[in-house]
């Protein structure tokens, strides 16, 4: 269904913060974990924060694309998107390079982009932060031409994501990852990869490769102590070698933020890399969606997306 309770474009009520571009459109993915149940609440929270929006509940990818293109052509100033990281990336792919800014209402499971932007994860807090915020430009990645905002991963995390169904994610949230992961790791086979960039080329056997664009990967886990969504580089690292005990040690170092500089993790920063699987074709997780396969060509578009950040936003603070 396209259309919401606020059917008219909101020229009469201006935002409380004159720094935000207008007019403002709100898009809610009703297939996200919390989208359908919070459609009305999102409008109300934004109204209490002083923002008048034209709201739309969206039930399909095609519907989202059609509406975004219409809003861009009509001269929308700001599109606020409510949904998970996959929905945000899909919307960003159409807003990159335009004058239209994007706002984020975190209605997914991990809400990784919202964390990288420093947004509150509750609906009321996020609405207030948007209303008091301002627009900045952030980096976006491209994998085989597809836009991503947070990360591209290969290995164990991808198999876990493939095993997670909608009802499990909705019921357990982030707890679904360790519960499902414990079952998958016992049978997981190490990857054999060739990673190539300007900075280095290497072959590695590992259970996990991570290419991170923002501060966070997979919800609250920081990519690295220096990760930023505005520094024009990716944070690239593997988690241990071929042995599963090596993966466990590396994951522990990552959670503690001590993986940078450890030779086993092969951590480095770059703005362009390619990844080949030397034994079998592998599926890649792109912002929580299994949508690409090896080989991967990954590049960075520096400050290509206009997005609303909260007051006091610091790109490199984790």
Protein backbone atom coordinates (compact mmCIF):
# COMPACT_ATOMS: atom_id res chain seq x y z
CA UNK A 1 0.00 0.00 0.00
CA UNK A 2 1.37 3.40 -0.97
CA UNK A 3 0.08 6.30 1.09
CA UNK A 4 -0.28 7.11 4.73
CA UNK A 5 -2.28 9.09 7.20
CA UNK A 6 -0.66 12.36 6.10
CA UNK A 7 -1.74 12.56 2.49
CA UNK A 8 -0.65 16.12 1.70
CA UNK A 9 2.90 17.27 1.09
CA UNK A 10 3.82 19.26 4.26
CA UNK A 11 4.55 22.82 3.15
CA UNK A 12 2.50 24.51 5.89
CA UNK A 13 4.35 23.11 8.94
CA UNK A 14 8.09 23.68 8.90
CA UNK A 15 10.54 21.58 10.90
CA UNK A 16 11.69 22.96 14.23
CA UNK A 17 15.24 22.75 12.88
CA UNK A 18 15.69 25.00 9.84
CA UNK A 19 18.90 23.11 8.93
CA UNK A 20 16.87 20.17 7.63
CA UNK A 21 15.88 20.25 3.95
CA UNK A 22 12.18 20.12 3.05
CA UNK A 23 9.74 18.74 2.01
CA UNK A 24 10.08 15.54 4.05
CA UNK A 25 8.90 12.05 3.10
CA UNK A 26 8.69 9.09 5.50
CA UNK A 27 9.04 5.55 4.13
CA UNK A 28 8.42 2.58 6.42
CA UNK A 29 9.29 -0.97 5.37
CA UNK A 30 6.39 -2.96 6.80
CA UNK A 31 8.34 -6.23 6.34
CA UNK A 32 11.11 -5.14 8.72
CA UNK A 33 11.22 -6.52 12.24
CA UNK A 34 9.31 -3.58 13.72
CA UNK A 35 8.11 -1.63 10.67
CA UNK A 36 4.48 -2.68 10.43
CA UNK A 37 3.68 -2.31 14.10
CA UNK A 38 5.42 1.09 14.33
CA UNK A 39 4.09 2.82 11.21
CA UNK A 40 1.66 5.05 13.10
CA UNK A 41 4.03 5.46 16.05
CA UNK A 42 6.80 6.71 13.76
CA UNK A 43 4.60 9.47 12.36
CA UNK A 44 3.52 10.47 15.85
CA UNK A 45 7.09 10.51 17.18
CA UNK A 46 8.26 12.72 14.31
CA UNK A 47 5.30 15.05 14.79
CA UNK A 48 6.10 15.42 18.50
CA UNK A 49 9.66 16.26 17.49
CA UNK A 50 8.34 19.07 15.28
CA UNK A 51 8.50 17.42 11.85
CA UNK A 52 5.62 17.15 9.42
CA UNK A 53 5.98 14.33 6.93
CA UNK A 54 4.21 12.63 4.06
CA UNK A 55 4.15 8.99 5.19
CA UNK A 56 4.08 5.78 3.13
CA UNK A 57 3.93 2.15 4.26
CA UNK A 58 5.80 0.01 1.73
CA UNK A 59 5.36 -3.72 1.25
CA UNK A 60 7.80 -4.54 -1.55
CA UNK A 61 11.16 -3.58 -3.01
CA UNK A 62 9.61 -2.53 -6.33
CA UNK A 63 7.17 -0.26 -4.54
CA UNK A 64 10.03 1.35 -2.61
CA UNK A 65 12.05 2.01 -5.76
CA UNK A 66 9.07 3.53 -7.59
CA UNK A 67 8.30 5.87 -4.73
CA UNK A 68 11.92 6.91 -4.22
CA UNK A 69 12.32 7.78 -7.89
CA UNK A 70 9.11 9.79 -7.75
CA UNK A 71 10.26 11.69 -4.67
CA UNK A 72 13.65 12.48 -6.22
CA UNK A 73 12.00 13.80 -9.39
CA UNK A 74 9.46 15.80 -7.34
CA UNK A 75 12.25 17.59 -5.45
CA UNK A 76 11.99 16.04 -1.99
CA UNK A 77 14.52 17.52 0.41
CA UNK A 78 14.68 14.65 2.91
CA UNK A 79 13.52 11.03 2.84
CA UNK A 80 13.34 9.43 6.29
CA UNK A 81 13.54 5.63 6.01
CA UNK A 82 12.30 3.27 8.70
CA UNK A 83 13.52 -0.30 8.43
CA UNK A 84 16.50 -2.60 8.76
CA UNK A 85 19.96 -2.21 7.26
CA UNK A 86 19.00 -3.98 4.04
CA UNK A 87 16.16 -1.53 3.41
CA UNK A 88 18.42 1.43 4.20
CA UNK A 89 21.05 0.22 1.72
CA UNK A 90 18.45 -0.31 -0.98
CA UNK A 91 17.14 3.24 -0.50
CA UNK A 92 20.65 4.67 -0.34
CA UNK A 93 21.48 3.10 -3.71
CA UNK A 94 18.92 5.43 -5.31
CA UNK A 95 19.79 8.50 -3.24
CA UNK A 96 23.58 8.36 -3.75
CA UNK A 97 24.73 11.26 -5.90
CA UNK A 98 21.44 13.18 -5.61
CA UNK A 99 20.65 16.29 -3.59
CA UNK A 100 18.07 14.39 -1.53
CA UNK A 101 19.17 13.61 2.04
CA UNK A 102 18.29 10.44 3.94
CA UNK A 103 17.19 10.12 7.56
CA UNK A 104 17.25 6.86 9.51
CA UNK A 105 14.63 5.42 11.85
CA UNK A 106 16.13 2.17 13.27
CA UNK A 107 13.42 -0.49 12.90
CA UNK A 108 15.56 -3.53 12.13
CA UNK A 109 17.41 -6.17 14.14
CA UNK A 110 21.03 -4.99 14.26
CA UNK A 111 20.49 -1.33 13.28
CA UNK A 112 24.15 -1.13 12.33
CA UNK A 113 23.97 2.11 10.33
CA UNK A 114 22.05 3.88 13.11
CA UNK A 115 24.82 2.90 15.53
CA UNK A 116 27.51 4.19 13.15
CA UNK A 117 25.66 7.51 12.98
CA UNK A 118 25.31 7.70 16.76
CA UNK A 119 21.50 7.68 16.65
CA UNK A 120 19.38 6.50 19.58
CA UNK A 121 17.87 3.09 18.84
CA UNK A 122 14.44 3.84 20.29
CA UNK A 123 11.83 5.42 18.03
CA UNK A 124 11.21 8.49 20.16
CA UNK A 125 14.91 9.19 20.65
CA UNK A 126 15.72 8.73 16.97
CA UNK A 127 12.91 11.08 15.93
CA UNK A 128 14.18 13.78 18.28
CA UNK A 129 17.76 13.29 17.08
CA UNK A 130 16.69 13.69 13.45
CA UNK A 131 14.70 16.84 14.22
CA UNK A 132 17.66 18.39 16.05
CA UNK A 133 20.25 17.06 13.60
CA UNK A 134 21.90 18.29 10.42
CA UNK A 135 22.98 16.87 7.08
CA UNK A 136 26.48 15.56 6.45
CA UNK A 137 27.98 13.44 3.68
CA UNK A 138 29.07 9.86 4.40
CA UNK A 139 31.01 7.22 2.49
CA UNK A 140 29.29 4.36 0.71
CA UNK A 141 30.74 1.15 -0.63
CA UNK A 142 30.03 -0.73 -3.83
CA UNK A 143 30.39 -4.48 -4.25
CA UNK A 144 30.09 -5.66 -7.85
CA UNK A 145 28.33 -2.35 -8.45
CA UNK A 146 25.82 -2.75 -5.59
CA UNK A 147 25.74 0.00 -2.95
CA UNK A 148 26.34 -0.95 0.70
CA UNK A 149 26.57 1.14 3.84
CA UNK A 150 27.95 -1.10 6.58
CA UNK A 151 29.86 -4.18 5.49
CA UNK A 152 30.50 -7.06 3.13
CA UNK A 153 31.37 -10.39 4.77
CA UNK A 154 32.29 -13.88 3.65
CA UNK A 155 32.29 -17.04 5.72
CA UNK A 156 30.62 -18.08 8.94
CA UNK A 157 28.48 -14.94 9.29
CA UNK A 158 27.04 -15.48 5.80
CA UNK A 159 26.00 -19.05 6.59
CA UNK A 160 24.38 -17.88 9.82
CA UNK A 161 22.47 -15.18 7.94
CA UNK A 162 21.29 -17.78 5.42
CA UNK A 163 20.00 -19.98 8.23
CA UNK A 164 18.08 -17.20 9.94
CA UNK A 165 14.43 -17.04 8.95
CA UNK A 166 12.13 -14.08 9.51
CA UNK A 167 10.22 -15.46 12.53
CA UNK A 168 13.47 -16.38 14.33
CA UNK A 169 14.95 -12.91 13.81
CA UNK A 170 11.72 -11.27 14.90
CA UNK A 171 11.45 -13.40 18.05
CA UNK A 172 15.10 -13.41 19.17
CA UNK A 173 16.63 -10.29 17.60
CA UNK A 174 20.43 -10.22 17.95
CA UNK A 175 20.32 -13.31 20.20
CA UNK A 176 19.47 -15.36 17.10
CA UNK A 177 23.07 -15.00 15.86
CA UNK A 178 24.89 -16.89 18.64
CA UNK A 179 22.11 -19.45 18.93
CA UNK A 180 22.15 -20.34 15.23
CA UNK A 181 25.92 -19.78 14.98
CA UNK A 182 26.67 -22.44 17.56
CA UNK A 183 24.98 -25.03 15.36
CA UNK A 184 26.66 -23.93 12.12
CA UNK A 185 30.26 -23.52 13.28
CA UNK A 186 30.62 -27.25 13.99
CA UNK A 187 30.30 -28.06 10.27
CA UNK A 188 31.73 -24.89 8.79
CA UNK A 189 34.60 -25.31 6.29
CA UNK A 190 37.42 -22.78 6.04
CA UNK A 191 37.51 -20.47 3.04
CA UNK A 192 40.53 -20.24 0.74
CA UNK A 193 40.72 -16.63 -0.44
CA UNK A 194 42.92 -14.34 -2.48
CA UNK A 195 42.64 -10.68 -1.42
CA UNK A 196 44.13 -8.00 -3.66
CA UNK A 197 44.45 -4.25 -3.09
CA UNK A 198 46.94 -1.46 -3.77
CA UNK A 199 48.32 -1.93 -0.27
CA UNK A 200 48.82 -5.70 -0.29
CA UNK A 201 47.98 -9.03 -1.88
CA UNK A 202 47.71 -12.27 0.07
CA UNK A 203 46.15 -15.70 0.16
CA UNK A 204 44.54 -16.88 3.34
CA UNK A 205 42.57 -19.79 4.77
CA UNK A 206 40.04 -18.44 7.26
CA UNK A 207 36.47 -18.82 8.45
CA UNK A 208 35.62 -15.12 8.19
CA UNK A 209 36.52 -12.08 6.09
CA UNK A 210 35.10 -8.65 6.94
CA UNK A 211 35.12 -5.46 4.85
CA UNK A 212 33.65 -2.66 6.96
CA UNK A 213 32.63 0.81 5.82
CA UNK A 214 31.28 2.30 9.06
CA UNK A 215 32.00 2.21 12.77
CA UNK A 216 30.09 -1.00 13.40
CA UNK A 217 29.61 -4.46 11.92
CA UNK A 218 26.66 -6.65 12.89
CA UNK A 219 24.89 -4.45 15.39
CA UNK A 220 26.93 -3.30 18.40
CA UNK A 221 30.30 -4.86 17.47
CA UNK A 222 32.80 -2.17 16.42
CA UNK A 223 34.77 -2.75 13.21
CA UNK A 224 37.88 -1.25 14.82
CA UNK A 225 38.73 1.49 17.32
CA UNK A 226 39.47 3.88 14.43
CA UNK A 227 36.66 2.94 12.05
CA UNK A 228 34.71 5.80 10.50
CA UNK A 229 31.96 6.26 7.97
CA UNK A 230 33.66 9.45 6.73
CA UNK A 231 37.37 8.56 6.43
CA UNK A 232 37.25 7.33 2.80
CA UNK A 233 38.67 3.85 3.56
CA UNK A 234 37.37 0.41 4.43
CA UNK A 235 38.57 -1.58 7.44
CA UNK A 236 39.49 -5.04 6.12
CA UNK A 237 40.42 -8.02 8.29
CA UNK A 238 40.14 -11.78 8.62
CA UNK A 239 39.25 -13.59 11.82
CA UNK A 240 41.99 -16.12 12.39
CA UNK A 241 43.21 -18.95 10.19
CA UNK A 242 41.85 -22.30 9.09
CA UNK A 243 41.55 -23.80 12.59
CA UNK A 244 38.34 -23.13 14.48
CA UNK A 245 40.22 -22.45 17.70
CA UNK A 246 42.03 -19.71 15.77
CA UNK A 247 38.64 -18.25 14.82
CA UNK A 248 37.59 -18.23 18.46
CA UNK A 249 40.77 -16.43 19.56
CA UNK A 250 40.42 -13.88 16.77
CA UNK A 251 36.76 -13.24 17.55
CA UNK A 252 37.66 -12.61 21.18
CA UNK A 253 40.36 -10.11 20.14
CA UNK A 254 37.87 -8.42 17.82
CA UNK A 255 35.26 -8.05 20.56
CA UNK A 256 37.91 -6.50 22.79
CA UNK A 257 39.15 -4.20 20.01
CA UNK A 258 42.69 -5.63 20.08
CA UNK A 259 42.68 -7.24 16.61
CA UNK A 260 44.27 -4.23 14.88
CA UNK A 261 47.98 -4.93 14.40
CA UNK A 262 47.68 -8.65 15.11
CA UNK A 263 49.31 -10.51 12.18
CA UNK A 264 46.79 -13.33 12.33
CA UNK A 265 43.93 -10.93 11.51
CA UNK A 266 45.75 -9.27 8.55
CA UNK A 267 44.03 -5.98 9.33
CA UNK A 268 44.49 -3.11 6.86
CA UNK A 269 42.67 -0.12 5.36
CA UNK A 270 41.99 0.50 1.67
CA UNK A 271 39.47 2.11 -0.66
CA UNK A 272 39.48 -0.62 -3.30
CA UNK A 273 39.97 -4.39 -3.25
CA UNK A 274 39.07 -7.62 -4.98
CA UNK A 275 38.31 -10.95 -3.32
CA UNK A 276 38.53 -14.33 -5.06
CA UNK A 277 37.56 -17.72 -3.68
CA UNK A 278 40.16 -20.23 -4.82
CA UNK A 279 38.19 -23.44 -4.22
CA UNK A 280 34.45 -22.80 -4.55
CA UNK A 281 32.09 -19.94 -5.28
CA UNK A 282 30.93 -18.24 -2.08
CA UNK A 283 27.88 -16.23 -1.17
CA UNK A 284 28.52 -12.79 0.32
CA UNK A 285 26.52 -11.03 3.02
CA UNK A 286 25.95 -7.38 2.04
CA UNK A 287 24.43 -5.33 4.87
CA UNK A 288 22.60 -8.39 6.15
CA UNK A 289 21.34 -9.58 2.75
CA UNK A 290 22.77 -12.53 0.78
CA UNK A 291 22.84 -10.84 -2.62
CA UNK A 292 26.32 -11.31 -4.18
CA UNK A 293 28.76 -14.12 -4.91
CA UNK A 294 32.52 -14.30 -5.43
CA UNK A 295 34.53 -12.94 -7.09
CA UNK A 296 33.95 -9.55 -5.45
CA UNK A 297 35.09 -6.15 -6.67
CA UNK A 298 34.72 -3.68 -3.81
CA UNK A 299 35.21 0.07 -4.13
CA UNK A 300 34.44 3.16 -2.06
CA UNK A 301 32.57 6.34 -3.01
CA UNK A 302 33.77 8.96 -0.55
CA UNK A 303 31.06 11.20 0.96
CA UNK A 304 28.57 10.19 -1.73
CA UNK A 305 25.42 10.11 0.41
CA UNK A 306 23.75 13.04 2.20
CA UNK A 307 22.40 11.83 5.54
CA UNK A 308 21.00 13.32 8.75
CA UNK A 309 23.31 12.93 11.75
CA UNK A 310 22.53 13.88 15.35
CA UNK A 311 23.86 16.97 17.06
CA UNK A 312 27.41 16.33 18.29
CA UNK A 313 28.06 13.60 15.69
CA UNK A 314 31.71 12.47 15.68
CA UNK A 315 32.51 10.15 12.79
CA UNK A 316 35.46 8.41 14.45
CA UNK A 317 34.07 7.96 17.95
CA UNK A 318 33.08 4.37 18.76
